[in-house]
Amino acid sequence: MGLTSQMRRSAASVPTNIAEGCGRDSIPDLKRFLIIASGSLAELHYQLILSDDLNYLINSDFEELINEAVQIKKMIYTYIEKLSAYG
C-alpha cells in the first residue's frame, strides 16, 4: 500500500476515533479513544517526516502540516487531562 493511502487512513482515523469516543457512555471510554486518536496522529506525524525526507512535499507545506499535527496533539492531550478530573 502506498504512502499517500496510509496518510489518508491515519488522518481520517483521528477524528473518527474522537467521534466514536464521544459517542460512548463513559469518560474512560472517551479517554481510550482519544489515546487511540493520538496514536493515529503520531503515525501521520511520522509519515509527514518520511514524505519530507523523500522530498515528496514542499518545505512550506511540510512545516504547516507538522505544526497543525502538533497543535491537534496538544488539544487531544489537554482534553484528556481535563477529563481526568472527572474520572
PDB file of N, CA and C in Angstrom:
ATOM      1  N   MET A   1       0.845  -1.170   0.000  1.00  0.00           N
ATOM      2  CA  MET A   1       0.000   0.000   0.000  1.00  0.00           C
ATOM      3  C   MET A   1       0.893   1.236   0.000  1.00  0.00           C
ATOM      4  N   GLY A   2       0.475   2.282  -0.703  1.00  0.00           N
ATOM      5  CA  GLY A   2       1.285   3.467  -0.856  1.00  0.00           C
ATOM      6  C   GLY A   2       1.231   4.409   0.335  1.00  0.00           C
ATOM      7  N   LEU A   3       2.218   5.274   0.391  1.00  0.00           N
ATOM      8  CA  LEU A   3       2.327   6.230   1.486  1.00  0.00           C
ATOM      9  C   LEU A   3       1.124   7.172   1.521  1.00  0.00           C
ATOM     10  N   THR A   4       0.660   7.607   0.368  1.00  0.00           N
ATOM     11  CA  THR A   4      -0.495   8.513   0.320  1.00  0.00           C
ATOM     12  C   THR A   4      -1.715   7.859   0.941  1.00  0.00           C
ATOM     13  N   SER A   5      -1.948   6.612   0.624  1.00  0.00           N
ATOM     14  CA  SER A   5      -3.083   5.883   1.179  1.00  0.00           C
ATOM     15  C   SER A   5      -2.954   5.733   2.688  1.00  0.00           C
ATOM     16  N   GLN A   6      -1.750   5.418   3.155  1.00  0.00           N
ATOM     17  CA  GLN A   6      -1.524   5.286   4.596  1.00  0.00           C
ATOM     18  C   GLN A   6      -1.760   6.613   5.314  1.00  0.00           C
ATOM     19  N   MET A   7      -1.331   7.699   4.697  1.00  0.00           N
ATOM     20  CA  MET A   7      -1.519   9.016   5.303  1.00  0.00           C
ATOM     21  C   MET A   7      -3.000   9.382   5.367  1.00  0.00           C
ATOM     22  N   ARG A   8      -3.727   9.056   4.326  1.00  0.00           N
ATOM     23  CA  ARG A   8      -5.175   9.335   4.335  1.00  0.00           C
ATOM     24  C   ARG A   8      -5.880   8.545   5.429  1.00  0.00           C
ATOM     25  N   ARG A   9      -5.496   7.287   5.588  1.00  0.00           N
ATOM     26  CA  ARG A   9      -6.105   6.454   6.629  1.00  0.00           C
ATOM     27  C   ARG A   9      -5.768   6.971   8.020  1.00  0.00           C
ATOM     28  N   SER A  10      -4.516   7.344   8.225  1.00  0.00           N
ATOM     29  CA  SER A  10      -4.109   7.881   9.526  1.00  0.00           C
ATOM     30  C   SER A  10      -4.857   9.175   9.822  1.00  0.00           C
ATOM     31  N   ALA A  11      -4.928  10.055   8.836  1.00  0.00           N
ATOM     32  CA  ALA A  11      -5.595  11.345   9.027  1.00  0.00           C
ATOM     33  C   ALA A  11      -7.086  11.164   9.301  1.00  0.00           C
ATOM     34  N   ALA A  12      -7.718  10.245   8.599  1.00  0.00           N
ATOM     35  CA  ALA A  12      -9.151  10.005   8.806  1.00  0.00           C
ATOM     36  C   ALA A  12      -9.417   9.338  10.144  1.00  0.00           C
ATOM     37  N   SER A  13      -8.464   8.569  10.631  1.00  0.00           N
ATOM     38  CA  SER A  13      -8.635   7.848  11.883  1.00  0.00           C
ATOM     39  C   SER A  13      -8.693   8.775  13.095  1.00  0.00           C
ATOM     40  N   VAL A  14      -8.038   9.916  13.025  1.00  0.00           N
ATOM     41  CA  VAL A  14      -8.001  10.837  14.173  1.00  0.00           C
ATOM     42  C   VAL A  14      -9.412  11.316  14.528  1.00  0.00           C
ATOM     43  N   PRO A  15     -10.124  12.014  13.636  1.00  0.00           N
ATOM     44  CA  PRO A  15     -11.465  12.481  14.012  1.00  0.00           C
ATOM     45  C   PRO A  15     -12.470  11.337  14.164  1.00  0.00           C
ATOM     46  N   THR A  16     -12.247  10.234  13.457  1.00  0.00           N
ATOM     47  CA  THR A  16     -13.141   9.087  13.586  1.00  0.00           C
ATOM     48  C   THR A  16     -13.099   8.532  15.001  1.00  0.00           C
ATOM     49  N   ASN A  17     -11.909   8.390  15.556  1.00  0.00           N
ATOM     50  CA  ASN A  17     -11.791   7.882  16.927  1.00  0.00           C
ATOM     51  C   ASN A  17     -12.294   8.887  17.952  1.00  0.00           C
ATOM     52  N   ILE A  18     -12.088  10.165  17.705  1.00  0.00           N
ATOM     53  CA  ILE A  18     -12.626  11.173  18.619  1.00  0.00           C
ATOM     54  C   ILE A  18     -14.155  11.107  18.612  1.00  0.00           C
ATOM     55  N   ALA A  19     -14.741  11.008  17.439  1.00  0.00           N
ATOM     56  CA  ALA A  19     -16.196  10.919  17.336  1.00  0.00           C
ATOM     57  C   ALA A  19     -16.728   9.661  18.016  1.00  0.00           C
ATOM     58  N   GLU A  20     -16.049   8.540  17.801  1.00  0.00           N
ATOM     59  CA  GLU A  20     -16.501   7.304  18.430  1.00  0.00           C
ATOM     60  C   GLU A  20     -16.416   7.405  19.949  1.00  0.00           C
ATOM     61  N   GLY A  21     -15.333   8.000  20.442  1.00  0.00           N
ATOM     62  CA  GLY A  21     -15.191   8.174  21.882  1.00  0.00           C
ATOM     63  C   GLY A  21     -16.283   9.053  22.462  1.00  0.00           C
ATOM     64  N   CYS A  22     -16.650  10.090  21.736  1.00  0.00           N
ATOM     65  CA  CYS A  22     -17.716  10.992  22.203  1.00  0.00           C
ATOM     66  C   CYS A  22     -19.067  10.287  22.235  1.00  0.00           C
ATOM     67  N   GLY A  23     -19.218   9.256  21.437  1.00  0.00           N
ATOM     68  CA  GLY A  23     -20.467   8.505  21.407  1.00  0.00           C
ATOM     69  C   GLY A  23     -20.554   7.433  22.470  1.00  0.00           C
ATOM     70  N   ARG A  24     -19.513   7.246  23.241  1.00  0.00           N
ATOM     71  CA  ARG A  24     -19.508   6.231  24.297  1.00  0.00           C
ATOM     72  C   ARG A  24     -20.167   6.768  25.553  1.00  0.00           C
ATOM     73  N   ASP A  25     -20.493   5.846  26.463  1.00  0.00           N
ATOM     74  CA  ASP A  25     -21.244   6.210  27.657  1.00  0.00           C
ATOM     75  C   ASP A  25     -20.389   6.532  28.867  1.00  0.00           C
ATOM     76  N   SER A  26     -19.066   6.499  28.718  1.00  0.00           N
ATOM     77  CA  SER A  26     -18.239   6.736  29.896  1.00  0.00           C
ATOM     78  C   SER A  26     -16.999   7.555  29.552  1.00  0.00           C
ATOM     79  N   ILE A  27     -16.525   8.265  30.535  1.00  0.00           N
ATOM     80  CA  ILE A  27     -15.303   9.052  30.371  1.00  0.00           C
ATOM     81  C   ILE A  27     -14.100   8.152  30.112  1.00  0.00           C
ATOM     82  N   PRO A  28     -13.961   7.014  30.816  1.00  0.00           N
ATOM     83  CA  PRO A  28     -12.821   6.146  30.493  1.00  0.00           C
ATOM     84  C   PRO A  28     -12.816   5.676  29.025  1.00  0.00           C
ATOM     85  N   ASP A  29     -13.989   5.387  28.472  1.00  0.00           N
ATOM     86  CA  ASP A  29     -14.050   5.004  27.053  1.00  0.00           C
ATOM     87  C   ASP A  29     -13.635   6.172  26.164  1.00  0.00           C
ATOM     88  N   LEU A  30     -14.118   7.367  26.478  1.00  0.00           N
ATOM     89  CA  LEU A  30     -13.756   8.546  25.693  1.00  0.00           C
ATOM     90  C   LEU A  30     -12.243   8.754  25.735  1.00  0.00           C
ATOM     91  N   LYS A  31     -11.660   8.661  26.926  1.00  0.00           N
ATOM     92  CA  LYS A  31     -10.210   8.831  27.052  1.00  0.00           C
ATOM     93  C   LYS A  31      -9.451   7.781  26.238  1.00  0.00           C
ATOM     94  N   ARG A  32      -9.934   6.546  26.253  1.00  0.00           N
ATOM     95  CA  ARG A  32      -9.282   5.479  25.489  1.00  0.00           C
ATOM     96  C   ARG A  32      -9.280   5.800  23.999  1.00  0.00           C
ATOM     97  N   PHE A  33     -10.410   6.291  23.491  1.00  0.00           N
ATOM     98  CA  PHE A  33     -10.472   6.621  22.065  1.00  0.00           C
ATOM     99  C   PHE A  33      -9.655   7.867  21.728  1.00  0.00           C
ATOM    100  N   LEU A  34      -9.531   8.791  22.664  1.00  0.00           N
ATOM    101  CA  LEU A  34      -8.662   9.942  22.444  1.00  0.00           C
ATOM    102  C   LEU A  34      -7.202   9.500  22.354  1.00  0.00           C
ATOM    103  N   ILE A  35      -6.833   8.532  23.170  1.00  0.00           N
ATOM    104  CA  ILE A  35      -5.468   7.999  23.115  1.00  0.00           C
ATOM    105  C   ILE A  35      -5.227   7.282  21.786  1.00  0.00           C
ATOM    106  N   ILE A  36      -6.222   6.556  21.316  1.00  0.00           N
ATOM    107  CA  ILE A  36      -6.114   5.897  20.005  1.00  0.00           C
ATOM    108  C   ILE A  36      -5.969   6.951  18.905  1.00  0.00           C
ATOM    109  N   ALA A  37      -6.758   8.030  18.990  1.00  0.00           N
ATOM    110  CA  ALA A  37      -6.659   9.119  18.016  1.00  0.00           C
ATOM    111  C   ALA A  37      -5.262   9.726  18.037  1.00  0.00           C
ATOM    112  N   SER A  38      -4.701   9.874  19.232  1.00  0.00           N
ATOM    113  CA  SER A  38      -3.353  10.410  19.359  1.00  0.00           C
ATOM    114  C   SER A  38      -2.331   9.484  18.701  1.00  0.00           C
ATOM    115  N   GLY A  39      -2.539   8.188  18.816  1.00  0.00           N
ATOM    116  CA  GLY A  39      -1.656   7.232  18.155  1.00  0.00           C
ATOM    117  C   GLY A  39      -1.719   7.358  16.644  1.00  0.00           C
ATOM    118  N   SER A  40      -2.915   7.536  16.120  1.00  0.00           N
ATOM    119  CA  SER A  40      -3.068   7.733  14.671  1.00  0.00           C
ATOM    120  C   SER A  40      -2.376   9.019  14.238  1.00  0.00           C
ATOM    121  N   LEU A  41      -2.461  10.037  15.078  1.00  0.00           N
ATOM    122  CA  LEU A  41      -1.795  11.299  14.776  1.00  0.00           C
ATOM    123  C   LEU A  41      -0.274  11.133  14.788  1.00  0.00           C
ATOM    124  N   ALA A  42       0.228  10.311  15.701  1.00  0.00           N
ATOM    125  CA  ALA A  42       1.668  10.025  15.736  1.00  0.00           C
ATOM    126  C   ALA A  42       2.101   9.320  14.449  1.00  0.00           C
ATOM    127  N   GLU A  43       1.274   8.402  13.960  1.00  0.00           N
ATOM    128  CA  GLU A  43       1.569   7.742  12.677  1.00  0.00           C
ATOM    129  C   GLU A  43       1.641   8.770  11.559  1.00  0.00           C
ATOM    130  N   LEU A  44       0.662   9.663  11.518  1.00  0.00           N
ATOM    131  CA  LEU A  44       0.630  10.683  10.478  1.00  0.00           C
ATOM    132  C   LEU A  44       1.854  11.601  10.588  1.00  0.00           C
ATOM    133  N   HIS A  45       2.220  11.942  11.799  1.00  0.00           N
ATOM    134  CA  HIS A  45       3.393  12.791  12.020  1.00  0.00           C
ATOM    135  C   HIS A  45       4.635  12.132  11.398  1.00  0.00           C
ATOM    136  N   TYR A  46       4.824  10.862  11.692  1.00  0.00           N
ATOM    137  CA  TYR A  46       5.967  10.144  11.107  1.00  0.00           C
ATOM    138  C   TYR A  46       5.864  10.105   9.578  1.00  0.00           C
ATOM    139  N   GLN A  47       4.677   9.841   9.067  1.00  0.00           N
ATOM    140  CA  GLN A  47       4.503   9.756   7.620  1.00  0.00           C
ATOM    141  C   GLN A  47       4.803  11.097   6.951  1.00  0.00           C
ATOM    142  N   LEU A  48       4.492  12.190   7.625  1.00  0.00           N
ATOM    143  CA  LEU A  48       4.853  13.505   7.094  1.00  0.00           C
ATOM    144  C   LEU A  48       6.367  13.678   7.065  1.00  0.00           C
ATOM    145  N   ILE A  49       7.039  13.254   8.129  1.00  0.00           N
ATOM    146  CA  ILE A  49       8.502  13.337   8.162  1.00  0.00           C
ATOM    147  C   ILE A  49       9.105  12.488   7.048  1.00  0.00           C
ATOM    148  N   LEU A  50       8.590  11.281   6.870  1.00  0.00           N
ATOM    149  CA  LEU A  50       9.071  10.414   5.793  1.00  0.00           C
ATOM    150  C   LEU A  50       8.844  11.062   4.429  1.00  0.00           C
ATOM    151  N   SER A  51       7.664  11.639   4.237  1.00  0.00           N
ATOM    152  CA  SER A  51       7.368  12.312   2.963  1.00  0.00           C
ATOM    153  C   SER A  51       8.340  13.446   2.702  1.00  0.00           C
ATOM    154  N   ASP A  52       8.678  14.175   3.758  1.00  0.00           N
ATOM    155  CA  ASP A  52       9.651  15.260   3.616  1.00  0.00           C
ATOM    156  C   ASP A  52      11.031  14.696   3.286  1.00  0.00           C
ATOM    157  N   ASP A  53      11.431  13.644   3.989  1.00  0.00           N
ATOM    158  CA  ASP A  53      12.733  13.023   3.736  1.00  0.00           C
ATOM    159  C   ASP A  53      12.849  12.528   2.293  1.00  0.00           C
ATOM    160  N   LEU A  54      11.733  12.076   1.749  1.00  0.00           N
ATOM    161  CA  LEU A  54      11.717  11.575   0.376  1.00  0.00           C
ATOM    162  C   LEU A  54      11.488  12.691  -0.656  1.00  0.00           C
ATOM    163  N   ASN A  55      11.414  13.926  -0.141  1.00  0.00           N
ATOM    164  CA  ASN A  55      11.201  15.110  -0.992  1.00  0.00           C
ATOM    165  C   ASN A  55       9.877  15.063  -1.747  1.00  0.00           C
ATOM    166  N   TYR A  56       8.853  14.519  -1.104  1.00  0.00           N
ATOM    167  CA  TYR A  56       7.519  14.483  -1.703  1.00  0.00           C
ATOM    168  C   TYR A  56       6.731  15.754  -1.399  1.00  0.00           C
ATOM    169  N   LEU A  57       7.209  16.543  -0.433  1.00  0.00           N
ATOM    170  CA  LEU A  57       6.485  17.733  -0.007  1.00  0.00           C
ATOM    171  C   LEU A  57       7.338  18.980  -0.197  1.00  0.00           C
ATOM    172  N   ILE A  58       6.659  20.088  -0.483  1.00  0.00           N
ATOM    173  CA  ILE A  58       7.311  21.393  -0.475  1.00  0.00           C
ATOM    174  C   ILE A  58       7.553  21.738   0.997  1.00  0.00           C
ATOM    175  N   ASN A  59       8.706  22.289   1.313  1.00  0.00           N
ATOM    176  CA  ASN A  59       9.079  22.537   2.702  1.00  0.00           C
ATOM    177  C   ASN A  59       8.035  23.360   3.453  1.00  0.00           C
ATOM    178  N   SER A  60       7.464  24.363   2.813  1.00  0.00           N
ATOM    179  CA  SER A  60       6.460  25.185   3.498  1.00  0.00           C
ATOM    180  C   SER A  60       5.204  24.370   3.819  1.00  0.00           C
ATOM    181  N   ASP A  61       4.831  23.460   2.932  1.00  0.00           N
ATOM    182  CA  ASP A  61       3.678  22.582   3.194  1.00  0.00           C
ATOM    183  C   ASP A  61       3.988  21.640   4.349  1.00  0.00           C
ATOM    184  N   PHE A  62       5.204  21.091   4.355  1.00  0.00           N
ATOM    185  CA  PHE A  62       5.614  20.198   5.433  1.00  0.00           C
ATOM    186  C   PHE A  62       5.539  20.917   6.780  1.00  0.00           C
ATOM    187  N   GLU A  63       6.107  22.100   6.856  1.00  0.00           N
ATOM    188  CA  GLU A  63       6.103  22.855   8.114  1.00  0.00           C
ATOM    189  C   GLU A  63       4.682  23.146   8.584  1.00  0.00           C
ATOM    190  N   GLU A  64       3.823  23.529   7.671  1.00  0.00           N
ATOM    191  CA  GLU A  64       2.433  23.827   8.020  1.00  0.00           C
ATOM    192  C   GLU A  64       1.716  22.581   8.541  1.00  0.00           C
ATOM    193  N   LEU A  65       1.895  21.462   7.855  1.00  0.00           N
ATOM    194  CA  LEU A  65       1.231  20.221   8.260  1.00  0.00           C
ATOM    195  C   LEU A  65       1.754  19.699   9.596  1.00  0.00           C
ATOM    196  N   ILE A  66       3.058  19.771   9.801  1.00  0.00           N
ATOM    197  CA  ILE A  66       3.639  19.340  11.071  1.00  0.00           C
ATOM    198  C   ILE A  66       3.119  20.220  12.205  1.00  0.00           C
ATOM    199  N   ASN A  67       3.087  21.527  11.989  1.00  0.00           N
ATOM    200  CA  ASN A  67       2.578  22.439  13.021  1.00  0.00           C
ATOM    201  C   ASN A  67       1.124  22.143  13.359  1.00  0.00           C
ATOM    202  N   GLU A  68       0.314  21.847  12.354  1.00  0.00           N
ATOM    203  CA  GLU A  68      -1.087  21.505  12.599  1.00  0.00           C
ATOM    204  C   GLU A  68      -1.189  20.206  13.400  1.00  0.00           C
ATOM    205  N   ALA A  69      -0.372  19.222  13.049  1.00  0.00           N
ATOM    206  CA  ALA A  69      -0.390  17.951  13.773  1.00  0.00           C
ATOM    207  C   ALA A  69      -0.012  18.158  15.237  1.00  0.00           C
ATOM    208  N   VAL A  70       0.987  18.981  15.483  1.00  0.00           N
ATOM    209  CA  VAL A  70       1.413  19.259  16.860  1.00  0.00           C
ATOM    210  C   VAL A  70       0.296  19.971  17.625  1.00  0.00           C
ATOM    211  N   GLN A  71      -0.354  20.926  16.998  1.00  0.00           N
ATOM    212  CA  GLN A  71      -1.454  21.646  17.647  1.00  0.00           C
ATOM    213  C   GLN A  71      -2.605  20.702  17.998  1.00  0.00           C
ATOM    214  N   ILE A  72      -2.946  19.816  17.094  1.00  0.00           N
ATOM    215  CA  ILE A  72      -4.031  18.868  17.344  1.00  0.00           C
ATOM    216  C   ILE A  72      -3.647  17.918  18.471  1.00  0.00           C
ATOM    217  N   LYS A  73      -2.402  17.479  18.483  1.00  0.00           N
ATOM    218  CA  LYS A  73      -1.942  16.593  19.558  1.00  0.00           C
ATOM    219  C   LYS A  73      -2.060  17.298  20.910  1.00  0.00           C
ATOM    220  N   LYS A  74      -1.677  18.563  20.974  1.00  0.00           N
ATOM    221  CA  LYS A  74      -1.805  19.338  22.207  1.00  0.00           C
ATOM    222  C   LYS A  74      -3.269  19.424  22.638  1.00  0.00           C
ATOM    223  N   MET A  75      -4.161  19.650  21.680  1.00  0.00           N
ATOM    224  CA  MET A  75      -5.589  19.742  22.006  1.00  0.00           C
ATOM    225  C   MET A  75      -6.114  18.416  22.556  1.00  0.00           C
ATOM    226  N   ILE A  76      -5.705  17.310  21.951  1.00  0.00           N
ATOM    227  CA  ILE A  76      -6.147  15.995  22.423  1.00  0.00           C
ATOM    228  C   ILE A  76      -5.653  15.759  23.846  1.00  0.00           C
ATOM    229  N   TYR A  77      -4.379  16.036  24.106  1.00  0.00           N
ATOM    230  CA  TYR A  77      -3.834  15.799  25.441  1.00  0.00           C
ATOM    231  C   TYR A  77      -4.458  16.736  26.483  1.00  0.00           C
ATOM    232  N   THR A  78      -4.754  17.962  26.092  1.00  0.00           N
ATOM    233  CA  THR A  78      -5.440  18.880  27.008  1.00  0.00           C
ATOM    234  C   THR A  78      -6.821  18.341  27.349  1.00  0.00           C
ATOM    235  N   TYR A  79      -7.517  17.821  26.362  1.00  0.00           N
ATOM    236  CA  TYR A  79      -8.841  17.239  26.580  1.00  0.00           C
ATOM    237  C   TYR A  79      -8.745  16.041  27.518  1.00  0.00           C
ATOM    238  N   ILE A  80      -7.766  15.183  27.301  1.00  0.00           N
ATOM    239  CA  ILE A  80      -7.571  14.007  28.168  1.00  0.00           C
ATOM    240  C   ILE A  80      -7.310  14.458  29.606  1.00  0.00           C
ATOM    241  N   GLU A  81      -6.473  15.471  29.772  1.00  0.00           N
ATOM    242  CA  GLU A  81      -6.173  15.981  31.122  1.00  0.00           C
ATOM    243  C   GLU A  81      -7.417  16.527  31.801  1.00  0.00           C
ATOM    244  N   LYS A  82      -8.230  17.259  31.066  1.00  0.00           N
ATOM    245  CA  LYS A  82      -9.462  17.803  31.648  1.00  0.00           C
ATOM    246  C   LYS A  82     -10.434  16.691  32.026  1.00  0.00           C
ATOM    247  N   LEU A  83     -10.496  15.657  31.198  1.00  0.00           N
ATOM    248  CA  LEU A  83     -11.370  14.521  31.512  1.00  0.00           C
ATOM    249  C   LEU A  83     -10.892  13.772  32.740  1.00  0.00           C
ATOM    250  N   SER A  84      -9.594  13.782  32.991  1.00  0.00           N
ATOM    251  CA  SER A  84      -9.041  13.065  34.135  1.00  0.00           C
ATOM    252  C   SER A  84      -9.574  13.612  35.455  1.00  0.00           C
ATOM    253  N   ALA A  85      -9.988  14.852  35.462  1.00  0.00           N
ATOM    254  CA  ALA A  85     -10.561  15.446  36.670  1.00  0.00           C
ATOM    255  C   ALA A  85     -11.933  14.843  36.984  1.00  0.00           C
ATOM    256  N   TYR A  86     -12.556  14.217  35.983  1.00  0.00           N
ATOM    257  CA  TYR A  86     -13.894  13.638  36.157  1.00  0.00           C
ATOM    258  C   TYR A  86     -13.877  12.136  36.316  1.00  0.00           C
ATOM    259  N   GLY A  87     -12.733  11.522  36.197  1.00  0.00           N
ATOM    260  CA  GLY A  87     -12.684  10.066  36.378  1.00  0.00           C
ATOM    261  C   GLY A  87     -11.881   9.338  35.425  1.00  0.00           C
TER     262      GLY A  87
END
